[in-house]
Amino acid sequence: MGKICYSALLVILILGCNNTPKKQGVSNIETTINKVQSPLQQSIDRGAVVYKKVCSQCHRPSGKGIANNYPPLAGSNWLTQKRLESIKAVKYGLKGNIIVNQKPYNGVMSAMGLNNTQVADVMNYTMNSWGNKQKEIVTPKEVASVKK
């Protein structure tokens, strides 16, 4: 009888010490951590949706614009070097002559009716796509501070 109890106890201990649930728990935590995005990446992801719905018709899905009509955002010196003017253009629209990558554009971009968060998100998307790279996130607070 003692040997049977001892054998049963040994089986219970072996089964109870199984690492599988612990490994799954650690794996689930690692997966969750890997899925957590930075605030900038979250904004870029939201901005991609706004861009596709609102901006891509003129500036094209590739960000290359339409020659002589709509300036490129891809590799755009105006976008990356004129942060305030870029935010203002997205927020309020733009009319008049601008120079983008040494080429003149003289058109009209209507205000799109975006809220401050949407403007910040689409700015973060365009300023970090197609070869553009900005380190400082555009925030809704920054957009709210930009006046006409």
N, C-alpha and C. Protein backbone atom coordinates (compact mmCIF):
# COMPACT_ATOMS: atom_id res chain seq x y z
N MET A 1 0.82 -1.19 0.00
CA MET A 1 0.00 0.00 0.00
C MET A 1 0.86 1.25 0.00
N GLY A 2 1.96 1.21 0.77
CA GLY A 2 2.85 2.36 0.86
C GLY A 2 3.49 2.68 -0.48
N LYS A 3 3.83 1.59 -1.23
CA LYS A 3 4.45 1.82 -2.54
C LYS A 3 3.46 2.45 -3.50
N ILE A 4 2.21 2.09 -3.46
CA ILE A 4 1.18 2.65 -4.34
C ILE A 4 0.98 4.12 -4.00
N CYS A 5 0.90 4.45 -2.71
CA CYS A 5 0.72 5.86 -2.29
C CYS A 5 1.93 6.68 -2.71
N TYR A 6 3.13 6.09 -2.52
CA TYR A 6 4.35 6.81 -2.88
C TYR A 6 4.37 7.05 -4.39
N SER A 7 4.00 6.03 -5.19
CA SER A 7 3.98 6.16 -6.65
C SER A 7 2.95 7.20 -7.08
N ALA A 8 1.78 7.18 -6.46
CA ALA A 8 0.74 8.16 -6.79
C ALA A 8 1.22 9.57 -6.44
N LEU A 9 1.85 9.73 -5.29
CA LEU A 9 2.37 11.02 -4.87
C LEU A 9 3.44 11.52 -5.84
N LEU A 10 4.30 10.62 -6.29
CA LEU A 10 5.35 10.97 -7.24
C LEU A 10 4.75 11.45 -8.56
N VAL A 11 3.72 10.76 -9.04
CA VAL A 11 3.04 11.16 -10.28
C VAL A 11 2.40 12.53 -10.11
N ILE A 12 1.76 12.77 -8.99
CA ILE A 12 1.12 14.07 -8.73
C ILE A 12 2.17 15.18 -8.71
N LEU A 13 3.30 14.92 -8.03
CA LEU A 13 4.37 15.93 -7.99
C LEU A 13 4.94 16.22 -9.37
N ILE A 14 5.16 15.20 -10.15
CA ILE A 14 5.70 15.38 -11.50
C ILE A 14 4.72 16.20 -12.34
N LEU A 15 3.46 15.85 -12.29
CA LEU A 15 2.46 16.58 -13.06
C LEU A 15 2.30 18.01 -12.54
N GLY A 16 2.38 18.16 -11.24
CA GLY A 16 2.23 19.48 -10.64
C GLY A 16 3.40 20.41 -10.94
N CYS A 17 4.55 19.87 -11.24
CA CYS A 17 5.74 20.68 -11.52
C CYS A 17 5.92 20.92 -13.01
N ASN A 18 4.97 20.57 -13.80
CA ASN A 18 5.06 20.76 -15.24
C ASN A 18 5.23 22.26 -15.55
N ASN A 19 6.20 22.60 -16.36
CA ASN A 19 6.51 23.99 -16.68
C ASN A 19 5.63 24.57 -17.78
N THR A 20 4.86 23.78 -18.44
CA THR A 20 4.10 24.26 -19.60
C THR A 20 3.24 25.48 -19.29
N PRO A 21 2.42 25.48 -18.23
CA PRO A 21 1.63 26.68 -17.98
C PRO A 21 2.49 27.91 -17.72
N LYS A 22 3.61 27.75 -17.02
CA LYS A 22 4.48 28.89 -16.77
C LYS A 22 5.05 29.41 -18.08
N LYS A 23 5.51 28.51 -18.95
CA LYS A 23 6.06 28.94 -20.23
C LYS A 23 5.01 29.66 -21.05
N GLN A 24 3.79 29.14 -21.05
CA GLN A 24 2.73 29.81 -21.80
C GLN A 24 2.46 31.18 -21.22
N GLY A 25 2.47 31.28 -19.90
CA GLY A 25 2.24 32.57 -19.25
C GLY A 25 3.30 33.58 -19.63
N VAL A 26 4.58 33.19 -19.60
CA VAL A 26 5.67 34.07 -19.99
C VAL A 26 5.54 34.42 -21.47
N SER A 27 5.24 33.43 -22.29
CA SER A 27 5.08 33.68 -23.71
C SER A 27 3.96 34.68 -23.97
N ASN A 28 2.84 34.53 -23.27
CA ASN A 28 1.73 35.47 -23.44
C ASN A 28 2.12 36.87 -23.03
N ILE A 29 2.88 36.99 -21.95
CA ILE A 29 3.34 38.32 -21.51
C ILE A 29 4.26 38.92 -22.55
N GLU A 30 5.20 38.12 -23.08
CA GLU A 30 6.12 38.63 -24.10
C GLU A 30 5.35 39.06 -25.34
N THR A 31 4.38 38.29 -25.75
CA THR A 31 3.56 38.64 -26.91
C THR A 31 2.83 39.94 -26.66
N THR A 32 2.26 40.10 -25.48
CA THR A 32 1.55 41.33 -25.15
C THR A 32 2.50 42.52 -25.16
N ILE A 33 3.67 42.37 -24.58
CA ILE A 33 4.65 43.45 -24.57
C ILE A 33 5.05 43.83 -25.98
N ASN A 34 5.27 42.84 -26.83
CA ASN A 34 5.66 43.11 -28.20
C ASN A 34 4.56 43.83 -28.98
N LYS A 35 3.31 43.64 -28.58
CA LYS A 35 2.20 44.28 -29.27
C LYS A 35 1.96 45.70 -28.79
N VAL A 36 2.52 46.08 -27.66
CA VAL A 36 2.35 47.43 -27.15
C VAL A 36 3.18 48.37 -28.01
N GLN A 37 2.52 49.40 -28.54
CA GLN A 37 3.21 50.34 -29.42
C GLN A 37 3.48 51.64 -28.70
N SER A 38 4.48 52.33 -29.16
CA SER A 38 4.78 53.65 -28.62
C SER A 38 3.66 54.61 -29.00
N PRO A 39 3.52 55.71 -28.28
CA PRO A 39 2.52 56.71 -28.66
C PRO A 39 2.71 57.21 -30.09
N LEU A 40 3.96 57.37 -30.51
CA LEU A 40 4.21 57.80 -31.89
C LEU A 40 3.69 56.76 -32.88
N GLN A 41 3.98 55.49 -32.66
CA GLN A 41 3.54 54.45 -33.59
C GLN A 41 2.02 54.36 -33.62
N GLN A 42 1.38 54.50 -32.48
CA GLN A 42 -0.09 54.50 -32.44
C GLN A 42 -0.64 55.66 -33.27
N SER A 43 -0.04 56.84 -33.12
CA SER A 43 -0.47 58.01 -33.88
C SER A 43 -0.23 57.80 -35.37
N ILE A 44 0.91 57.24 -35.74
CA ILE A 44 1.20 56.97 -37.14
C ILE A 44 0.17 56.01 -37.72
N ASP A 45 -0.19 54.99 -36.98
CA ASP A 45 -1.19 54.02 -37.46
C ASP A 45 -2.55 54.69 -37.68
N ARG A 46 -2.96 55.54 -36.75
CA ARG A 46 -4.23 56.27 -36.92
C ARG A 46 -4.12 57.25 -38.09
N GLY A 47 -2.96 57.89 -38.20
CA GLY A 47 -2.74 58.85 -39.28
C GLY A 47 -2.78 58.21 -40.65
N ALA A 48 -2.36 56.97 -40.75
CA ALA A 48 -2.42 56.25 -42.03
C ALA A 48 -3.87 56.14 -42.51
N VAL A 49 -4.78 55.92 -41.59
CA VAL A 49 -6.20 55.81 -41.93
C VAL A 49 -6.72 57.17 -42.40
N VAL A 50 -6.38 58.22 -41.67
CA VAL A 50 -6.80 59.58 -42.06
C VAL A 50 -6.22 59.92 -43.43
N TYR A 51 -4.95 59.65 -43.63
CA TYR A 51 -4.30 59.95 -44.90
C TYR A 51 -5.01 59.26 -46.05
N LYS A 52 -5.29 58.00 -45.88
CA LYS A 52 -5.93 57.23 -46.95
C LYS A 52 -7.30 57.82 -47.30
N LYS A 53 -8.06 58.23 -46.30
CA LYS A 53 -9.41 58.75 -46.52
C LYS A 53 -9.42 60.19 -47.04
N VAL A 54 -8.48 61.01 -46.58
CA VAL A 54 -8.57 62.45 -46.81
C VAL A 54 -7.50 62.99 -47.76
N CYS A 55 -6.30 62.49 -47.69
CA CYS A 55 -5.17 63.12 -48.36
C CYS A 55 -4.69 62.41 -49.63
N SER A 56 -4.88 61.11 -49.69
CA SER A 56 -4.26 60.31 -50.75
C SER A 56 -4.79 60.61 -52.14
N GLN A 57 -5.97 61.16 -52.24
CA GLN A 57 -6.52 61.45 -53.57
C GLN A 57 -5.64 62.48 -54.29
N CYS A 58 -5.18 63.48 -53.59
CA CYS A 58 -4.33 64.51 -54.21
C CYS A 58 -2.84 64.18 -54.08
N HIS A 59 -2.43 63.77 -52.90
CA HIS A 59 -1.01 63.52 -52.67
C HIS A 59 -0.61 62.09 -53.01
N ARG A 60 -1.58 61.29 -53.43
CA ARG A 60 -1.39 59.91 -53.88
C ARG A 60 -1.01 58.98 -52.74
N PRO A 61 -1.39 57.71 -52.83
CA PRO A 61 -1.05 56.74 -51.78
C PRO A 61 0.47 56.64 -51.55
N SER A 62 1.23 56.91 -52.59
CA SER A 62 2.70 56.84 -52.50
C SER A 62 3.30 58.09 -51.88
N GLY A 63 2.49 59.14 -51.68
CA GLY A 63 2.99 60.41 -51.17
C GLY A 63 3.74 61.23 -52.22
N LYS A 64 3.72 60.80 -53.47
CA LYS A 64 4.49 61.48 -54.52
C LYS A 64 3.76 62.67 -55.12
N GLY A 65 2.51 62.90 -54.75
CA GLY A 65 1.77 64.03 -55.28
C GLY A 65 1.47 63.86 -56.76
N ILE A 66 1.02 64.96 -57.38
CA ILE A 66 0.76 64.98 -58.81
C ILE A 66 1.55 66.16 -59.37
N ALA A 67 2.47 65.86 -60.27
CA ALA A 67 3.40 66.87 -60.79
C ALA A 67 2.66 68.15 -61.20
N ASN A 68 3.23 69.27 -60.78
CA ASN A 68 2.75 70.61 -61.11
C ASN A 68 1.40 70.97 -60.49
N ASN A 69 0.77 70.07 -59.77
CA ASN A 69 -0.52 70.36 -59.14
C ASN A 69 -0.50 70.20 -57.62
N TYR A 70 -0.11 69.02 -57.17
CA TYR A 70 -0.10 68.72 -55.75
C TYR A 70 1.30 68.28 -55.35
N PRO A 71 1.92 68.99 -54.42
CA PRO A 71 3.32 68.70 -54.09
C PRO A 71 3.50 67.33 -53.44
N PRO A 72 4.68 66.78 -53.62
CA PRO A 72 4.96 65.50 -52.98
C PRO A 72 5.12 65.67 -51.48
N LEU A 73 4.75 64.64 -50.75
CA LEU A 73 5.03 64.56 -49.32
C LEU A 73 6.20 63.61 -49.10
N ALA A 74 6.39 62.70 -50.03
CA ALA A 74 7.51 61.75 -49.98
C ALA A 74 8.80 62.52 -50.19
N GLY A 75 9.70 62.42 -49.23
CA GLY A 75 10.97 63.11 -49.33
C GLY A 75 10.85 64.62 -49.42
N SER A 76 9.80 65.16 -48.85
CA SER A 76 9.49 66.59 -48.96
C SER A 76 10.29 67.43 -47.97
N ASN A 77 11.11 68.33 -48.50
CA ASN A 77 11.85 69.23 -47.61
C ASN A 77 10.90 70.22 -46.93
N TRP A 78 9.84 70.59 -47.60
CA TRP A 78 8.88 71.54 -47.01
C TRP A 78 8.18 70.91 -45.81
N LEU A 79 7.78 69.68 -45.94
CA LEU A 79 7.10 68.98 -44.86
C LEU A 79 8.02 68.80 -43.65
N THR A 80 9.24 68.39 -43.89
CA THR A 80 10.12 68.07 -42.77
C THR A 80 10.85 69.29 -42.20
N GLN A 81 11.00 70.35 -42.98
CA GLN A 81 11.73 71.53 -42.51
C GLN A 81 10.81 72.66 -42.06
N LYS A 82 9.56 72.59 -42.39
CA LYS A 82 8.61 73.65 -42.04
C LYS A 82 7.45 73.06 -41.24
N ARG A 83 7.78 72.61 -40.06
CA ARG A 83 6.83 71.92 -39.19
C ARG A 83 5.58 72.76 -38.93
N LEU A 84 5.77 73.98 -38.46
CA LEU A 84 4.64 74.85 -38.13
C LEU A 84 3.77 75.13 -39.36
N GLU A 85 4.41 75.45 -40.48
CA GLU A 85 3.67 75.72 -41.72
C GLU A 85 2.92 74.48 -42.20
N SER A 86 3.53 73.31 -42.01
CA SER A 86 2.88 72.06 -42.41
C SER A 86 1.64 71.79 -41.57
N ILE A 87 1.78 71.96 -40.27
CA ILE A 87 0.63 71.76 -39.38
C ILE A 87 -0.48 72.75 -39.75
N LYS A 88 -0.10 73.99 -39.96
CA LYS A 88 -1.06 75.04 -40.30
C LYS A 88 -1.79 74.70 -41.61
N ALA A 89 -1.05 74.20 -42.60
CA ALA A 89 -1.66 73.83 -43.88
C ALA A 89 -2.68 72.72 -43.73
N VAL A 90 -2.34 71.71 -42.93
CA VAL A 90 -3.28 70.59 -42.73
C VAL A 90 -4.48 71.06 -41.92
N LYS A 91 -4.26 71.92 -40.96
CA LYS A 91 -5.34 72.38 -40.08
C LYS A 91 -6.27 73.37 -40.76
N TYR A 92 -5.70 74.34 -41.50
CA TYR A 92 -6.50 75.44 -42.05
C TYR A 92 -6.55 75.48 -43.58
N GLY A 93 -5.80 74.62 -44.23
CA GLY A 93 -5.69 74.69 -45.68
C GLY A 93 -4.52 75.57 -46.07
N LEU A 94 -4.28 75.66 -47.36
CA LEU A 94 -3.12 76.42 -47.85
C LEU A 94 -3.46 76.99 -49.22
N LYS A 95 -3.08 78.25 -49.39
CA LYS A 95 -3.31 78.92 -50.67
C LYS A 95 -2.08 79.75 -50.98
N GLY A 96 -1.60 79.63 -52.20
CA GLY A 96 -0.46 80.45 -52.60
C GLY A 96 0.76 79.64 -52.96
N ASN A 97 1.80 80.36 -53.26
CA ASN A 97 3.03 79.77 -53.76
C ASN A 97 3.86 79.15 -52.63
N ILE A 98 4.30 77.92 -52.84
CA ILE A 98 5.27 77.28 -51.96
C ILE A 98 6.31 76.59 -52.85
N ILE A 99 7.47 76.38 -52.30
CA ILE A 99 8.54 75.68 -53.01
C ILE A 99 8.78 74.36 -52.27
N VAL A 100 8.63 73.26 -52.99
CA VAL A 100 8.86 71.94 -52.42
C VAL A 100 9.92 71.25 -53.26
N ASN A 101 11.01 70.89 -52.62
CA ASN A 101 12.12 70.23 -53.31
C ASN A 101 12.55 71.01 -54.55
N GLN A 102 12.68 72.31 -54.39
CA GLN A 102 13.11 73.25 -55.43
C GLN A 102 12.12 73.40 -56.59
N LYS A 103 10.87 72.97 -56.41
CA LYS A 103 9.86 73.13 -57.45
C LYS A 103 8.71 73.97 -56.91
N PRO A 104 8.24 74.94 -57.70
CA PRO A 104 7.14 75.79 -57.23
C PRO A 104 5.78 75.11 -57.40
N TYR A 105 4.93 75.34 -56.40
CA TYR A 105 3.53 74.90 -56.45
C TYR A 105 2.70 76.11 -56.04
N ASN A 106 1.66 76.38 -56.80
CA ASN A 106 0.81 77.52 -56.51
C ASN A 106 -0.64 77.07 -56.66
N GLY A 107 -1.14 76.42 -55.64
CA GLY A 107 -2.49 75.90 -55.71
C GLY A 107 -3.25 76.21 -54.45
N VAL A 108 -4.33 75.50 -54.31
CA VAL A 108 -5.18 75.66 -53.14
C VAL A 108 -5.41 74.29 -52.52
N MET A 109 -5.17 74.22 -51.22
CA MET A 109 -5.52 73.04 -50.45
C MET A 109 -6.58 73.49 -49.45
N SER A 110 -7.76 72.98 -49.58
CA SER A 110 -8.84 73.35 -48.67
C SER A 110 -8.61 72.78 -47.29
N ALA A 111 -9.17 73.43 -46.30
CA ALA A 111 -9.17 72.87 -44.95
C ALA A 111 -9.99 71.58 -45.00
N MET A 112 -9.50 70.56 -44.37
CA MET A 112 -10.15 69.25 -44.43
C MET A 112 -11.13 69.01 -43.30
N GLY A 113 -11.21 69.93 -42.35
CA GLY A 113 -12.15 69.77 -41.25
C GLY A 113 -11.73 68.72 -40.23
N LEU A 114 -10.43 68.51 -40.12
CA LEU A 114 -9.93 67.52 -39.17
C LEU A 114 -9.81 68.14 -37.78
N ASN A 115 -10.02 67.33 -36.76
CA ASN A 115 -9.81 67.82 -35.39
C ASN A 115 -8.31 67.77 -35.07
N ASN A 116 -7.94 68.32 -33.93
CA ASN A 116 -6.52 68.43 -33.58
C ASN A 116 -5.82 67.08 -33.50
N THR A 117 -6.51 66.07 -33.01
CA THR A 117 -5.92 64.73 -32.93
C THR A 117 -5.70 64.17 -34.33
N GLN A 118 -6.66 64.32 -35.20
CA GLN A 118 -6.51 63.82 -36.57
C GLN A 118 -5.38 64.54 -37.31
N VAL A 119 -5.27 65.86 -37.09
CA VAL A 119 -4.17 66.61 -37.71
C VAL A 119 -2.83 66.09 -37.20
N ALA A 120 -2.72 65.92 -35.88
CA ALA A 120 -1.47 65.41 -35.30
C ALA A 120 -1.16 64.02 -35.86
N ASP A 121 -2.16 63.17 -35.93
CA ASP A 121 -1.94 61.80 -36.42
C ASP A 121 -1.49 61.78 -37.88
N VAL A 122 -2.14 62.55 -38.73
CA VAL A 122 -1.76 62.54 -40.15
C VAL A 122 -0.40 63.21 -40.33
N MET A 123 -0.08 64.20 -39.50
CA MET A 123 1.25 64.79 -39.56
C MET A 123 2.31 63.76 -39.16
N ASN A 124 2.05 63.02 -38.10
CA ASN A 124 3.01 61.99 -37.67
C ASN A 124 3.18 60.91 -38.74
N TYR A 125 2.08 60.56 -39.40
CA TYR A 125 2.16 59.57 -40.48
C TYR A 125 3.00 60.09 -41.63
N THR A 126 2.68 61.29 -42.13
CA THR A 126 3.39 61.80 -43.31
C THR A 126 4.84 62.16 -42.99
N MET A 127 5.09 62.60 -41.76
CA MET A 127 6.44 62.99 -41.38
C MET A 127 7.33 61.79 -41.06
N ASN A 128 6.75 60.59 -41.10
CA ASN A 128 7.50 59.36 -40.84
C ASN A 128 7.24 58.30 -41.90
N SER A 129 6.92 58.74 -43.10
CA SER A 129 6.66 57.81 -44.21
C SER A 129 7.46 58.25 -45.43
N TRP A 130 7.65 57.34 -46.36
CA TRP A 130 8.25 57.61 -47.67
C TRP A 130 9.62 58.28 -47.57
N GLY A 131 10.42 57.87 -46.61
CA GLY A 131 11.75 58.43 -46.46
C GLY A 131 11.82 59.63 -45.52
N ASN A 132 10.69 60.14 -45.09
CA ASN A 132 10.68 61.23 -44.10
C ASN A 132 10.90 60.63 -42.72
N LYS A 133 11.62 61.35 -41.88
CA LYS A 133 11.87 60.86 -40.52
C LYS A 133 11.94 62.03 -39.57
N GLN A 134 11.01 62.07 -38.63
CA GLN A 134 10.98 63.09 -37.59
C GLN A 134 11.09 62.40 -36.25
N LYS A 135 11.81 62.99 -35.33
CA LYS A 135 12.00 62.40 -34.01
C LYS A 135 10.94 62.87 -33.02
N GLU A 136 10.49 64.10 -33.18
CA GLU A 136 9.57 64.69 -32.21
C GLU A 136 8.12 64.49 -32.66
N ILE A 137 7.33 63.85 -31.83
CA ILE A 137 5.93 63.58 -32.13
C ILE A 137 5.14 64.88 -32.18
N VAL A 138 4.24 64.98 -33.15
CA VAL A 138 3.28 66.09 -33.19
C VAL A 138 2.12 65.68 -32.29
N THR A 139 1.77 66.55 -31.37
CA THR A 139 0.71 66.26 -30.41
C THR A 139 -0.53 67.09 -30.71
N PRO A 140 -1.70 66.64 -30.26
CA PRO A 140 -2.90 67.47 -30.41
C PRO A 140 -2.74 68.82 -29.72
N LYS A 141 -2.03 68.85 -28.61
CA LYS A 141 -1.80 70.12 -27.91
C LYS A 141 -1.00 71.08 -28.78
N GLU A 142 0.04 70.56 -29.45
CA GLU A 142 0.82 71.40 -30.36
C GLU A 142 -0.05 71.92 -31.50
N VAL A 143 -0.88 71.04 -32.07
CA VAL A 143 -1.77 71.45 -33.16
C VAL A 143 -2.74 72.53 -32.66
N ALA A 144 -3.28 72.36 -31.46
CA ALA A 144 -4.23 73.33 -30.91
C ALA A 144 -3.57 74.71 -30.75
N SER A 145 -2.27 74.73 -30.52
CA SER A 145 -1.58 76.01 -30.32
C SER A 145 -1.32 76.75 -31.63
N VAL A 146 -1.47 76.07 -32.77
CA VAL A 146 -1.22 76.69 -34.06
C VAL A 146 -2.46 77.51 -34.47
N LYS A 147 -2.24 78.79 -34.65
CA LYS A 147 -3.32 79.70 -35.01
C LYS A 147 -3.19 80.11 -36.47
N LYS A 148 -4.28 80.56 -37.04
CA LYS A 148 -4.33 80.95 -38.44
C LYS A 148 -3.37 82.04 -38.78
